[in-house]
Amino acid sequence: MSVQERKARERAQRHQLIVAAARELAESQGWDAVTTRRLAERIEYSQPVLYSHFRGKREIVGAVALEGFTELTAAMRHAVADGPAGRAAVAALAGAYVDFAERNPALYDAMFLLETGLPFADDTTPAPLREAFGTLLDTLGDIAGDAAPALFVEVFWSALHGLVALTRSGRLPRGDASRRLDLLVDRFSGR
């Protein structure tokens, strides 16, 4: 292995270490606790080393969000791997999405609530975001009826996100969460 290859590998490992530390700190103490000083202490590198990988917290949050979209896509794909159709497909995707959001609150915040600089629905949208949307589109596009499939998926995703965000914030009582999700699934599956 050349010196250049070793340095590139070490840089990639440091990058991943920073992202993992940020995610761990955010999940345990919240995103306000994620500072370059704390990250530097946690990974035992200087702040300038962090800044050689990321220009600031926003880029770190963006890197965490990209990991999240990769994981969310995997969860949704797994949920529909057995080929459910119609209402069962909608229910499987919705359940995987809500479960992911509940298990990973800080990660979900990075993906959807915090400033990341990541463009959505754009030519420059990163692959993990496009793949998450594509997973929804592949599964739900056939049940869009006379609506444009991408628009149908955007509205479905928006409704899911709204249920997650309003339930997490306590604005909707948790006791009725499953009934709300069932109603959403019924409406989007044509029932």
N, C-alpha and C. Protein backbone atom coordinates (compact mmCIF):
# COMPACT_ATOMS: atom_id res chain seq x y z
N MET A 1 0.85 -1.17 0.00
CA MET A 1 0.00 0.00 0.00
C MET A 1 0.89 1.23 0.00
N SER A 2 0.56 2.17 -0.86
CA SER A 2 1.36 3.39 -0.95
C SER A 2 1.05 4.31 0.23
N VAL A 3 1.92 5.28 0.44
CA VAL A 3 1.72 6.27 1.50
C VAL A 3 0.43 7.04 1.24
N GLN A 4 0.19 7.38 -0.01
CA GLN A 4 -1.03 8.11 -0.37
C GLN A 4 -2.28 7.30 -0.04
N GLU A 5 -2.27 6.03 -0.35
CA GLU A 5 -3.42 5.17 -0.06
C GLU A 5 -3.65 5.05 1.45
N ARG A 6 -2.55 4.91 2.20
CA ARG A 6 -2.66 4.81 3.65
C ARG A 6 -3.24 6.10 4.22
N LYS A 7 -2.76 7.25 3.75
CA LYS A 7 -3.26 8.54 4.24
C LYS A 7 -4.74 8.72 3.89
N ALA A 8 -5.12 8.29 2.71
CA ALA A 8 -6.53 8.39 2.31
C ALA A 8 -7.40 7.50 3.19
N ARG A 9 -6.91 6.30 3.48
CA ARG A 9 -7.65 5.38 4.35
C ARG A 9 -7.77 5.96 5.76
N GLU A 10 -6.69 6.52 6.28
CA GLU A 10 -6.71 7.13 7.61
C GLU A 10 -7.65 8.33 7.65
N ARG A 11 -7.66 9.11 6.59
CA ARG A 11 -8.56 10.27 6.53
C ARG A 11 -10.02 9.81 6.53
N ALA A 12 -10.32 8.77 5.76
CA ALA A 12 -11.68 8.23 5.72
C ALA A 12 -12.08 7.69 7.09
N GLN A 13 -11.15 7.06 7.80
CA GLN A 13 -11.44 6.54 9.13
C GLN A 13 -11.70 7.68 10.12
N ARG A 14 -10.90 8.75 10.04
CA ARG A 14 -11.13 9.92 10.90
C ARG A 14 -12.48 10.55 10.61
N HIS A 15 -12.81 10.67 9.32
CA HIS A 15 -14.10 11.22 8.91
C HIS A 15 -15.23 10.42 9.55
N GLN A 16 -15.16 9.11 9.44
CA GLN A 16 -16.20 8.25 10.00
C GLN A 16 -16.22 8.34 11.52
N LEU A 17 -15.07 8.47 12.15
CA LEU A 17 -14.98 8.61 13.60
C LEU A 17 -15.69 9.88 14.06
N ILE A 18 -15.50 10.97 13.33
CA ILE A 18 -16.16 12.24 13.65
C ILE A 18 -17.67 12.09 13.53
N VAL A 19 -18.12 11.50 12.44
CA VAL A 19 -19.56 11.32 12.22
C VAL A 19 -20.15 10.43 13.31
N ALA A 20 -19.50 9.34 13.62
CA ALA A 20 -20.00 8.42 14.65
C ALA A 20 -20.05 9.11 16.02
N ALA A 21 -19.03 9.88 16.34
CA ALA A 21 -19.00 10.58 17.63
C ALA A 21 -20.11 11.63 17.70
N ALA A 22 -20.33 12.34 16.61
CA ALA A 22 -21.40 13.35 16.57
C ALA A 22 -22.76 12.68 16.76
N ARG A 23 -22.95 11.60 16.10
CA ARG A 23 -24.23 10.89 16.19
C ARG A 23 -24.46 10.35 17.60
N GLU A 24 -23.44 9.75 18.16
CA GLU A 24 -23.53 9.20 19.51
C GLU A 24 -23.82 10.31 20.53
N LEU A 25 -23.10 11.43 20.42
CA LEU A 25 -23.30 12.55 21.33
C LEU A 25 -24.70 13.13 21.18
N ALA A 26 -25.17 13.26 19.95
CA ALA A 26 -26.51 13.80 19.70
C ALA A 26 -27.59 12.87 20.26
N GLU A 27 -27.43 11.58 20.08
CA GLU A 27 -28.44 10.64 20.59
C GLU A 27 -28.46 10.61 22.11
N SER A 28 -27.32 10.81 22.75
CA SER A 28 -27.29 10.74 24.21
C SER A 28 -27.58 12.08 24.88
N GLN A 29 -27.18 13.21 24.25
CA GLN A 29 -27.31 14.51 24.91
C GLN A 29 -28.01 15.58 24.08
N GLY A 30 -28.37 15.25 22.85
CA GLY A 30 -29.03 16.22 21.99
C GLY A 30 -28.04 16.97 21.11
N TRP A 31 -28.56 17.56 20.03
CA TRP A 31 -27.69 18.22 19.06
C TRP A 31 -27.01 19.47 19.62
N ASP A 32 -27.60 20.11 20.61
CA ASP A 32 -26.94 21.27 21.20
C ASP A 32 -25.61 20.90 21.86
N ALA A 33 -25.49 19.66 22.28
CA ALA A 33 -24.24 19.19 22.91
C ALA A 33 -23.14 18.92 21.90
N VAL A 34 -23.49 18.85 20.63
CA VAL A 34 -22.50 18.54 19.60
C VAL A 34 -21.79 19.83 19.20
N THR A 35 -20.58 19.98 19.69
CA THR A 35 -19.74 21.12 19.34
C THR A 35 -18.40 20.58 18.84
N THR A 36 -17.69 21.39 18.09
CA THR A 36 -16.39 20.92 17.59
C THR A 36 -15.44 20.67 18.75
N ARG A 37 -15.53 21.47 19.81
CA ARG A 37 -14.66 21.25 20.97
C ARG A 37 -14.95 19.89 21.59
N ARG A 38 -16.22 19.59 21.82
CA ARG A 38 -16.57 18.30 22.41
C ARG A 38 -16.21 17.13 21.50
N LEU A 39 -16.46 17.30 20.22
CA LEU A 39 -16.10 16.23 19.28
C LEU A 39 -14.60 15.99 19.27
N ALA A 40 -13.84 17.07 19.26
CA ALA A 40 -12.37 16.94 19.27
C ALA A 40 -11.91 16.19 20.51
N GLU A 41 -12.47 16.52 21.65
CA GLU A 41 -12.12 15.83 22.89
C GLU A 41 -12.49 14.35 22.81
N ARG A 42 -13.67 14.10 22.30
CA ARG A 42 -14.18 12.73 22.26
C ARG A 42 -13.35 11.83 21.34
N ILE A 43 -12.94 12.36 20.20
CA ILE A 43 -12.18 11.52 19.25
C ILE A 43 -10.67 11.66 19.43
N GLU A 44 -10.27 12.53 20.35
CA GLU A 44 -8.86 12.74 20.69
C GLU A 44 -8.05 13.26 19.52
N TYR A 45 -8.63 14.22 18.82
CA TYR A 45 -7.94 14.98 17.78
C TYR A 45 -8.18 16.45 18.07
N SER A 46 -7.39 17.30 17.46
CA SER A 46 -7.56 18.74 17.66
C SER A 46 -8.73 19.26 16.82
N GLN A 47 -9.24 20.43 17.20
CA GLN A 47 -10.31 21.04 16.42
C GLN A 47 -9.88 21.30 14.97
N PRO A 48 -8.63 21.74 14.72
CA PRO A 48 -8.23 21.92 13.32
C PRO A 48 -8.35 20.63 12.48
N VAL A 49 -8.17 19.48 13.12
CA VAL A 49 -8.34 18.22 12.38
C VAL A 49 -9.81 18.08 11.97
N LEU A 50 -10.73 18.41 12.88
CA LEU A 50 -12.16 18.36 12.54
C LEU A 50 -12.44 19.30 11.37
N TYR A 51 -11.88 20.50 11.44
CA TYR A 51 -12.13 21.48 10.39
C TYR A 51 -11.46 21.09 9.07
N SER A 52 -10.52 20.18 9.11
CA SER A 52 -9.95 19.71 7.84
C SER A 52 -10.89 18.71 7.15
N HIS A 53 -11.87 18.21 7.90
CA HIS A 53 -12.87 17.29 7.35
C HIS A 53 -14.20 17.99 7.08
N PHE A 54 -14.58 18.90 7.96
CA PHE A 54 -15.88 19.57 7.89
C PHE A 54 -15.68 21.06 8.17
N ARG A 55 -16.42 21.90 7.45
CA ARG A 55 -16.31 23.34 7.67
C ARG A 55 -17.03 23.79 8.94
N GLY A 56 -17.86 22.96 9.48
CA GLY A 56 -18.57 23.32 10.70
C GLY A 56 -19.62 22.29 11.04
N LYS A 57 -20.39 22.62 12.05
CA LYS A 57 -21.40 21.69 12.56
C LYS A 57 -22.43 21.33 11.49
N ARG A 58 -22.82 22.28 10.68
CA ARG A 58 -23.82 22.01 9.64
C ARG A 58 -23.37 20.87 8.73
N GLU A 59 -22.11 20.85 8.33
CA GLU A 59 -21.62 19.76 7.47
C GLU A 59 -21.55 18.44 8.23
N ILE A 60 -21.25 18.51 9.51
CA ILE A 60 -21.23 17.28 10.32
C ILE A 60 -22.65 16.72 10.41
N VAL A 61 -23.61 17.59 10.68
CA VAL A 61 -25.00 17.16 10.74
C VAL A 61 -25.42 16.58 9.38
N GLY A 62 -24.97 17.18 8.30
CA GLY A 62 -25.27 16.67 6.96
C GLY A 62 -24.71 15.28 6.74
N ALA A 63 -23.49 15.04 7.21
CA ALA A 63 -22.88 13.71 7.07
C ALA A 63 -23.66 12.68 7.88
N VAL A 64 -24.10 13.07 9.07
CA VAL A 64 -24.93 12.17 9.90
C VAL A 64 -26.25 11.90 9.18
N ALA A 65 -26.84 12.95 8.61
CA ALA A 65 -28.12 12.79 7.90
C ALA A 65 -27.97 11.82 6.72
N LEU A 66 -26.88 11.91 5.99
CA LEU A 66 -26.67 10.99 4.86
C LEU A 66 -26.64 9.54 5.34
N GLU A 67 -25.97 9.30 6.47
CA GLU A 67 -25.99 7.95 7.04
C GLU A 67 -27.42 7.53 7.37
N GLY A 68 -28.17 8.48 7.93
CA GLY A 68 -29.54 8.19 8.29
C GLY A 68 -30.40 7.80 7.10
N PHE A 69 -30.24 8.53 5.99
CA PHE A 69 -31.02 8.19 4.81
C PHE A 69 -30.66 6.81 4.28
N THR A 70 -29.39 6.45 4.37
CA THR A 70 -28.97 5.11 3.96
C THR A 70 -29.65 4.06 4.83
N GLU A 71 -29.68 4.31 6.13
CA GLU A 71 -30.30 3.36 7.06
C GLU A 71 -31.82 3.30 6.90
N LEU A 72 -32.43 4.46 6.70
CA LEU A 72 -33.88 4.50 6.49
C LEU A 72 -34.25 3.73 5.22
N THR A 73 -33.48 3.93 4.17
CA THR A 73 -33.74 3.22 2.92
C THR A 73 -33.64 1.71 3.13
N ALA A 74 -32.62 1.28 3.85
CA ALA A 74 -32.46 -0.15 4.13
C ALA A 74 -33.65 -0.68 4.92
N ALA A 75 -34.11 0.09 5.91
CA ALA A 75 -35.27 -0.35 6.72
C ALA A 75 -36.52 -0.46 5.87
N MET A 76 -36.74 0.52 5.00
CA MET A 76 -37.94 0.49 4.16
C MET A 76 -37.85 -0.65 3.14
N ARG A 77 -36.69 -0.84 2.55
CA ARG A 77 -36.53 -1.94 1.59
C ARG A 77 -36.76 -3.28 2.26
N HIS A 78 -36.25 -3.42 3.46
CA HIS A 78 -36.45 -4.67 4.20
C HIS A 78 -37.94 -4.89 4.46
N ALA A 79 -38.66 -3.81 4.77
CA ALA A 79 -40.08 -3.92 5.08
C ALA A 79 -40.90 -4.42 3.89
N VAL A 80 -40.45 -4.12 2.68
CA VAL A 80 -41.21 -4.54 1.49
C VAL A 80 -40.50 -5.63 0.70
N ALA A 81 -39.48 -6.23 1.30
CA ALA A 81 -38.68 -7.24 0.59
C ALA A 81 -39.50 -8.45 0.16
N ASP A 82 -40.52 -8.78 0.92
CA ASP A 82 -41.33 -9.95 0.58
C ASP A 82 -42.41 -9.64 -0.45
N GLY A 83 -42.41 -8.40 -0.95
CA GLY A 83 -43.30 -8.03 -2.03
C GLY A 83 -44.74 -7.76 -1.67
N PRO A 84 -45.01 -7.16 -0.50
CA PRO A 84 -46.41 -6.84 -0.23
C PRO A 84 -46.92 -5.86 -1.27
N ALA A 85 -48.21 -5.86 -1.48
CA ALA A 85 -48.82 -4.96 -2.46
C ALA A 85 -49.98 -4.22 -1.81
N GLY A 86 -50.41 -3.16 -2.46
CA GLY A 86 -51.57 -2.41 -2.00
C GLY A 86 -51.42 -1.91 -0.58
N ARG A 87 -52.47 -2.12 0.22
CA ARG A 87 -52.46 -1.63 1.60
C ARG A 87 -51.30 -2.21 2.40
N ALA A 88 -50.98 -3.47 2.18
CA ALA A 88 -49.89 -4.11 2.92
C ALA A 88 -48.55 -3.41 2.65
N ALA A 89 -48.32 -2.98 1.42
CA ALA A 89 -47.09 -2.26 1.08
C ALA A 89 -47.05 -0.90 1.76
N VAL A 90 -48.17 -0.20 1.72
CA VAL A 90 -48.25 1.12 2.37
C VAL A 90 -48.02 0.96 3.87
N ALA A 91 -48.66 -0.03 4.47
CA ALA A 91 -48.51 -0.27 5.91
C ALA A 91 -47.08 -0.64 6.27
N ALA A 92 -46.45 -1.47 5.44
CA ALA A 92 -45.07 -1.87 5.71
C ALA A 92 -44.13 -0.68 5.66
N LEU A 93 -44.27 0.15 4.64
CA LEU A 93 -43.41 1.34 4.54
C LEU A 93 -43.67 2.31 5.68
N ALA A 94 -44.93 2.58 5.97
CA ALA A 94 -45.27 3.51 7.04
C ALA A 94 -44.75 3.00 8.38
N GLY A 95 -44.93 1.73 8.64
CA GLY A 95 -44.45 1.16 9.89
C GLY A 95 -42.95 1.23 10.02
N ALA A 96 -42.23 0.93 8.94
CA ALA A 96 -40.77 1.00 8.97
C ALA A 96 -40.30 2.43 9.20
N TYR A 97 -40.96 3.37 8.57
CA TYR A 97 -40.60 4.78 8.70
C TYR A 97 -40.81 5.26 10.13
N VAL A 98 -41.97 5.01 10.68
CA VAL A 98 -42.28 5.46 12.04
C VAL A 98 -41.37 4.78 13.05
N ASP A 99 -41.14 3.49 12.88
CA ASP A 99 -40.25 2.76 13.77
C ASP A 99 -38.83 3.34 13.72
N PHE A 100 -38.35 3.63 12.52
CA PHE A 100 -37.02 4.22 12.37
C PHE A 100 -36.95 5.56 13.11
N ALA A 101 -37.95 6.40 12.92
CA ALA A 101 -37.96 7.72 13.57
C ALA A 101 -37.99 7.60 15.09
N GLU A 102 -38.75 6.65 15.59
CA GLU A 102 -38.84 6.47 17.05
C GLU A 102 -37.56 5.92 17.64
N ARG A 103 -36.89 5.03 16.93
CA ARG A 103 -35.65 4.44 17.44
C ARG A 103 -34.45 5.37 17.33
N ASN A 104 -34.52 6.36 16.45
CA ASN A 104 -33.37 7.23 16.17
C ASN A 104 -33.77 8.71 16.19
N PRO A 105 -34.21 9.23 17.33
CA PRO A 105 -34.73 10.60 17.32
C PRO A 105 -33.71 11.67 16.89
N ALA A 106 -32.49 11.60 17.36
CA ALA A 106 -31.51 12.62 16.97
C ALA A 106 -31.11 12.46 15.51
N LEU A 107 -31.02 11.24 15.06
CA LEU A 107 -30.70 10.99 13.65
C LEU A 107 -31.83 11.52 12.77
N TYR A 108 -33.05 11.26 13.16
CA TYR A 108 -34.21 11.76 12.42
C TYR A 108 -34.20 13.29 12.37
N ASP A 109 -33.86 13.91 13.49
CA ASP A 109 -33.75 15.38 13.51
C ASP A 109 -32.71 15.86 12.52
N ALA A 110 -31.58 15.19 12.46
CA ALA A 110 -30.54 15.58 11.50
C ALA A 110 -31.04 15.45 10.07
N MET A 111 -31.81 14.44 9.81
CA MET A 111 -32.30 14.19 8.46
C MET A 111 -33.35 15.19 8.02
N PHE A 112 -34.23 15.60 8.96
CA PHE A 112 -35.40 16.37 8.55
C PHE A 112 -35.62 17.71 9.23
N LEU A 113 -35.00 17.95 10.36
CA LEU A 113 -35.31 19.16 11.09
C LEU A 113 -34.16 20.15 11.19
N LEU A 114 -32.94 19.68 11.16
CA LEU A 114 -31.79 20.56 11.32
C LEU A 114 -31.25 21.01 9.96
N GLU A 115 -30.57 22.12 9.97
CA GLU A 115 -29.96 22.64 8.74
C GLU A 115 -28.74 21.79 8.39
N THR A 116 -28.76 21.26 7.18
CA THR A 116 -27.67 20.39 6.72
C THR A 116 -27.00 20.88 5.45
N GLY A 117 -27.70 21.74 4.73
CA GLY A 117 -27.19 22.16 3.43
C GLY A 117 -27.42 21.13 2.34
N LEU A 118 -28.08 20.02 2.67
CA LEU A 118 -28.35 18.98 1.68
C LEU A 118 -29.56 19.38 0.84
N PRO A 119 -29.41 19.39 -0.47
CA PRO A 119 -30.56 19.74 -1.32
C PRO A 119 -31.51 18.55 -1.51
N PHE A 120 -32.79 18.82 -1.38
CA PHE A 120 -33.82 17.82 -1.63
C PHE A 120 -34.46 18.14 -2.98
N ALA A 121 -34.91 17.11 -3.68
CA ALA A 121 -35.67 17.27 -4.93
C ALA A 121 -34.97 18.22 -5.90
N ASP A 122 -33.73 17.94 -6.15
CA ASP A 122 -32.89 18.80 -6.98
C ASP A 122 -31.93 17.90 -7.77
N ASP A 123 -31.36 18.44 -8.82
CA ASP A 123 -30.40 17.66 -9.61
C ASP A 123 -29.16 17.28 -8.79
N THR A 124 -28.86 18.07 -7.76
CA THR A 124 -27.67 17.82 -6.95
C THR A 124 -27.99 17.05 -5.65
N THR A 125 -29.19 16.54 -5.54
CA THR A 125 -29.57 15.78 -4.35
C THR A 125 -28.65 14.56 -4.22
N PRO A 126 -28.04 14.38 -3.04
CA PRO A 126 -27.15 13.23 -2.85
C PRO A 126 -27.87 11.90 -3.01
N ALA A 127 -27.13 10.90 -3.42
CA ALA A 127 -27.68 9.57 -3.69
C ALA A 127 -28.50 8.99 -2.54
N PRO A 128 -28.05 9.06 -1.28
CA PRO A 128 -28.87 8.46 -0.22
C PRO A 128 -30.28 9.05 -0.12
N LEU A 129 -30.42 10.35 -0.39
CA LEU A 129 -31.75 10.96 -0.36
C LEU A 129 -32.59 10.49 -1.54
N ARG A 130 -31.96 10.44 -2.72
CA ARG A 130 -32.68 9.97 -3.91
C ARG A 130 -33.10 8.52 -3.75
N GLU A 131 -32.25 7.70 -3.13
CA GLU A 131 -32.57 6.29 -2.95
C GLU A 131 -33.73 6.10 -1.97
N ALA A 132 -33.78 6.91 -0.92
CA ALA A 132 -34.91 6.83 0.01
C ALA A 132 -36.21 7.16 -0.71
N PHE A 133 -36.19 8.25 -1.46
CA PHE A 133 -37.38 8.63 -2.22
C PHE A 133 -37.71 7.57 -3.26
N GLY A 134 -36.70 7.05 -3.92
CA GLY A 134 -36.92 6.01 -4.92
C GLY A 134 -37.54 4.75 -4.35
N THR A 135 -37.18 4.41 -3.13
CA THR A 135 -37.77 3.24 -2.48
C THR A 135 -39.27 3.45 -2.27
N LEU A 136 -39.63 4.65 -1.82
CA LEU A 136 -41.05 4.97 -1.68
C LEU A 136 -41.75 4.95 -3.03
N LEU A 137 -41.13 5.54 -4.02
CA LEU A 137 -41.72 5.63 -5.36
C LEU A 137 -41.88 4.24 -5.98
N ASP A 138 -40.87 3.40 -5.83
CA ASP A 138 -40.95 2.04 -6.39
C ASP A 138 -42.12 1.26 -5.79
N THR A 139 -42.36 1.47 -4.52
CA THR A 139 -43.40 0.72 -3.83
C THR A 139 -44.78 1.34 -3.99
N LEU A 140 -44.84 2.66 -3.95
CA LEU A 140 -46.15 3.33 -3.92
C LEU A 140 -46.60 3.88 -5.27
N GLY A 141 -45.70 3.96 -6.23
CA GLY A 141 -46.04 4.55 -7.52
C GLY A 141 -47.22 3.88 -8.20
N ASP A 142 -47.35 2.57 -8.04
CA ASP A 142 -48.43 1.84 -8.70
C ASP A 142 -49.81 2.12 -8.10
N ILE A 143 -49.84 2.63 -6.88
CA ILE A 143 -51.15 2.88 -6.25
C ILE A 143 -51.50 4.36 -6.26
N ALA A 144 -50.75 5.16 -7.00
CA ALA A 144 -50.99 6.61 -7.05
C ALA A 144 -52.26 6.97 -7.79
N GLY A 145 -52.83 6.01 -8.51
CA GLY A 145 -54.05 6.28 -9.27
C GLY A 145 -53.77 7.30 -10.36
N ASP A 146 -54.62 8.33 -10.45
CA ASP A 146 -54.43 9.33 -11.50
C ASP A 146 -53.52 10.47 -11.06
N ALA A 147 -52.97 10.39 -9.85
CA ALA A 147 -52.02 11.40 -9.38
C ALA A 147 -50.63 11.10 -9.95
N ALA A 148 -49.84 12.13 -10.12
CA ALA A 148 -48.45 11.93 -10.53
C ALA A 148 -47.75 11.13 -9.42
N PRO A 149 -47.10 10.01 -9.75
CA PRO A 149 -46.50 9.16 -8.71
C PRO A 149 -45.55 9.91 -7.77
N ALA A 150 -44.69 10.76 -8.30
CA ALA A 150 -43.75 11.47 -7.43
C ALA A 150 -44.49 12.42 -6.48
N LEU A 151 -45.51 13.07 -6.97
CA LEU A 151 -46.30 13.97 -6.14
C LEU A 151 -47.04 13.18 -5.06
N PHE A 152 -47.58 12.05 -5.43
CA PHE A 152 -48.27 11.16 -4.49
C PHE A 152 -47.32 10.77 -3.35
N VAL A 153 -46.08 10.39 -3.72
CA VAL A 153 -45.08 9.98 -2.72
C VAL A 153 -44.69 11.17 -1.84
N GLU A 154 -44.55 12.36 -2.42
CA GLU A 154 -44.22 13.53 -1.62
C GLU A 154 -45.30 13.81 -0.57
N VAL A 155 -46.55 13.67 -0.95
CA VAL A 155 -47.64 13.92 0.00
C VAL A 155 -47.67 12.82 1.07
N PHE A 156 -47.46 11.58 0.66
CA PHE A 156 -47.40 10.48 1.63
C PHE A 156 -46.27 10.71 2.63
N TRP A 157 -45.09 11.02 2.12
CA TRP A 157 -43.92 11.25 2.97
C TRP A 157 -44.18 12.43 3.91
N SER A 158 -44.78 13.48 3.39
CA SER A 158 -45.09 14.65 4.21
C SER A 158 -46.06 14.29 5.33
N ALA A 159 -47.06 13.49 5.01
CA ALA A 159 -48.03 13.09 6.03
C ALA A 159 -47.37 12.23 7.10
N LEU A 160 -46.50 11.31 6.69
CA LEU A 160 -45.78 10.48 7.66
C LEU A 160 -44.91 11.35 8.56
N HIS A 161 -44.18 12.25 7.94
CA HIS A 161 -43.30 13.13 8.71
C HIS A 161 -44.12 13.97 9.68
N GLY A 162 -45.24 14.48 9.24
CA GLY A 162 -46.10 15.27 10.11
C GLY A 162 -46.57 14.47 11.32
N LEU A 163 -46.99 13.23 11.09
CA LEU A 163 -47.42 12.39 12.21
C LEU A 163 -46.28 12.15 13.18
N VAL A 164 -45.10 11.86 12.65
CA VAL A 164 -43.93 11.62 13.51
C VAL A 164 -43.61 12.87 14.32
N ALA A 165 -43.49 14.01 13.64
CA ALA A 165 -43.09 15.25 14.31
C ALA A 165 -44.11 15.69 15.34
N LEU A 166 -45.39 15.64 15.00
CA LEU A 166 -46.42 16.09 15.93
C LEU A 166 -46.58 15.14 17.12
N THR A 167 -46.38 13.87 16.90
CA THR A 167 -46.44 12.91 18.01
C THR A 167 -45.23 13.07 18.92
N ARG A 168 -44.04 13.18 18.33
CA ARG A 168 -42.82 13.35 19.14
C ARG A 168 -42.87 14.61 19.98
N SER A 169 -43.45 15.67 19.45
CA SER A 169 -43.48 16.94 20.18
C SER A 169 -44.59 16.99 21.22
N GLY A 170 -45.44 15.96 21.25
CA GLY A 170 -46.53 15.93 22.20
C GLY A 170 -47.76 16.69 21.75
N ARG A 171 -47.74 17.20 20.53
CA ARG A 171 -48.89 17.95 20.02
C ARG A 171 -50.05 17.02 19.63
N LEU A 172 -49.71 15.78 19.34
CA LEU A 172 -50.72 14.74 19.15
C LEU A 172 -50.49 13.69 20.22
N PRO A 173 -51.53 13.25 20.91
CA PRO A 173 -51.35 12.25 21.96
C PRO A 173 -50.83 10.92 21.40
N ARG A 174 -49.86 10.33 22.08
CA ARG A 174 -49.27 9.06 21.64
C ARG A 174 -50.29 7.92 21.64
N GLY A 175 -51.28 8.00 22.50
CA GLY A 175 -52.26 6.92 22.62
C GLY A 175 -52.98 6.59 21.33
N ASP A 176 -53.16 7.57 20.46
CA ASP A 176 -53.87 7.35 19.21
C ASP A 176 -52.94 7.22 18.01
N ALA A 177 -51.64 7.09 18.25
CA ALA A 177 -50.66 7.06 17.15
C ALA A 177 -50.94 5.94 16.16
N SER A 178 -51.24 4.76 16.66
CA SER A 178 -51.46 3.63 15.74
C SER A 178 -52.76 3.82 14.94
N ARG A 179 -53.77 4.41 15.56
CA ARG A 179 -55.02 4.66 14.84
C ARG A 179 -54.80 5.70 13.74
N ARG A 180 -54.02 6.74 14.04
CA ARG A 180 -53.71 7.74 13.03
C ARG A 180 -52.95 7.12 11.86
N LEU A 181 -51.97 6.28 12.19
CA LEU A 181 -51.18 5.63 11.15
C LEU A 181 -52.06 4.72 10.30
N ASP A 182 -52.95 3.98 10.92
CA ASP A 182 -53.89 3.12 10.17
C ASP A 182 -54.76 3.96 9.23
N LEU A 183 -55.23 5.09 9.71
CA LEU A 183 -56.06 5.97 8.88
C LEU A 183 -55.25 6.48 7.68
N LEU A 184 -54.02 6.89 7.93
CA LEU A 184 -53.15 7.35 6.84
C LEU A 184 -52.93 6.25 5.81
N VAL A 185 -52.63 5.06 6.30
CA VAL A 185 -52.39 3.91 5.41
C VAL A 185 -53.65 3.63 4.60
N ASP A 186 -54.81 3.62 5.24
CA ASP A 186 -56.06 3.36 4.52
C ASP A 186 -56.29 4.39 3.42
N ARG A 187 -56.09 5.65 3.73
CA ARG A 187 -56.34 6.71 2.74
C ARG A 187 -55.37 6.64 1.57
N PHE A 188 -54.11 6.34 1.85
CA PHE A 188 -53.14 6.30 0.78
C PHE A 188 -53.15 4.99 0.01
N SER A 189 -53.82 3.99 0.54
CA SER A 189 -53.90 2.73 -0.20
C SER A 189 -55.24 2.60 -0.91
N GLY A 190 -56.06 3.65 -0.83
CA GLY A 190 -57.31 3.66 -1.58
C GLY A 190 -58.50 3.09 -0.84
N ARG A 191 -58.35 2.87 0.44
CA ARG A 191 -59.49 2.31 1.21
C ARG A 191 -60.37 3.39 1.74
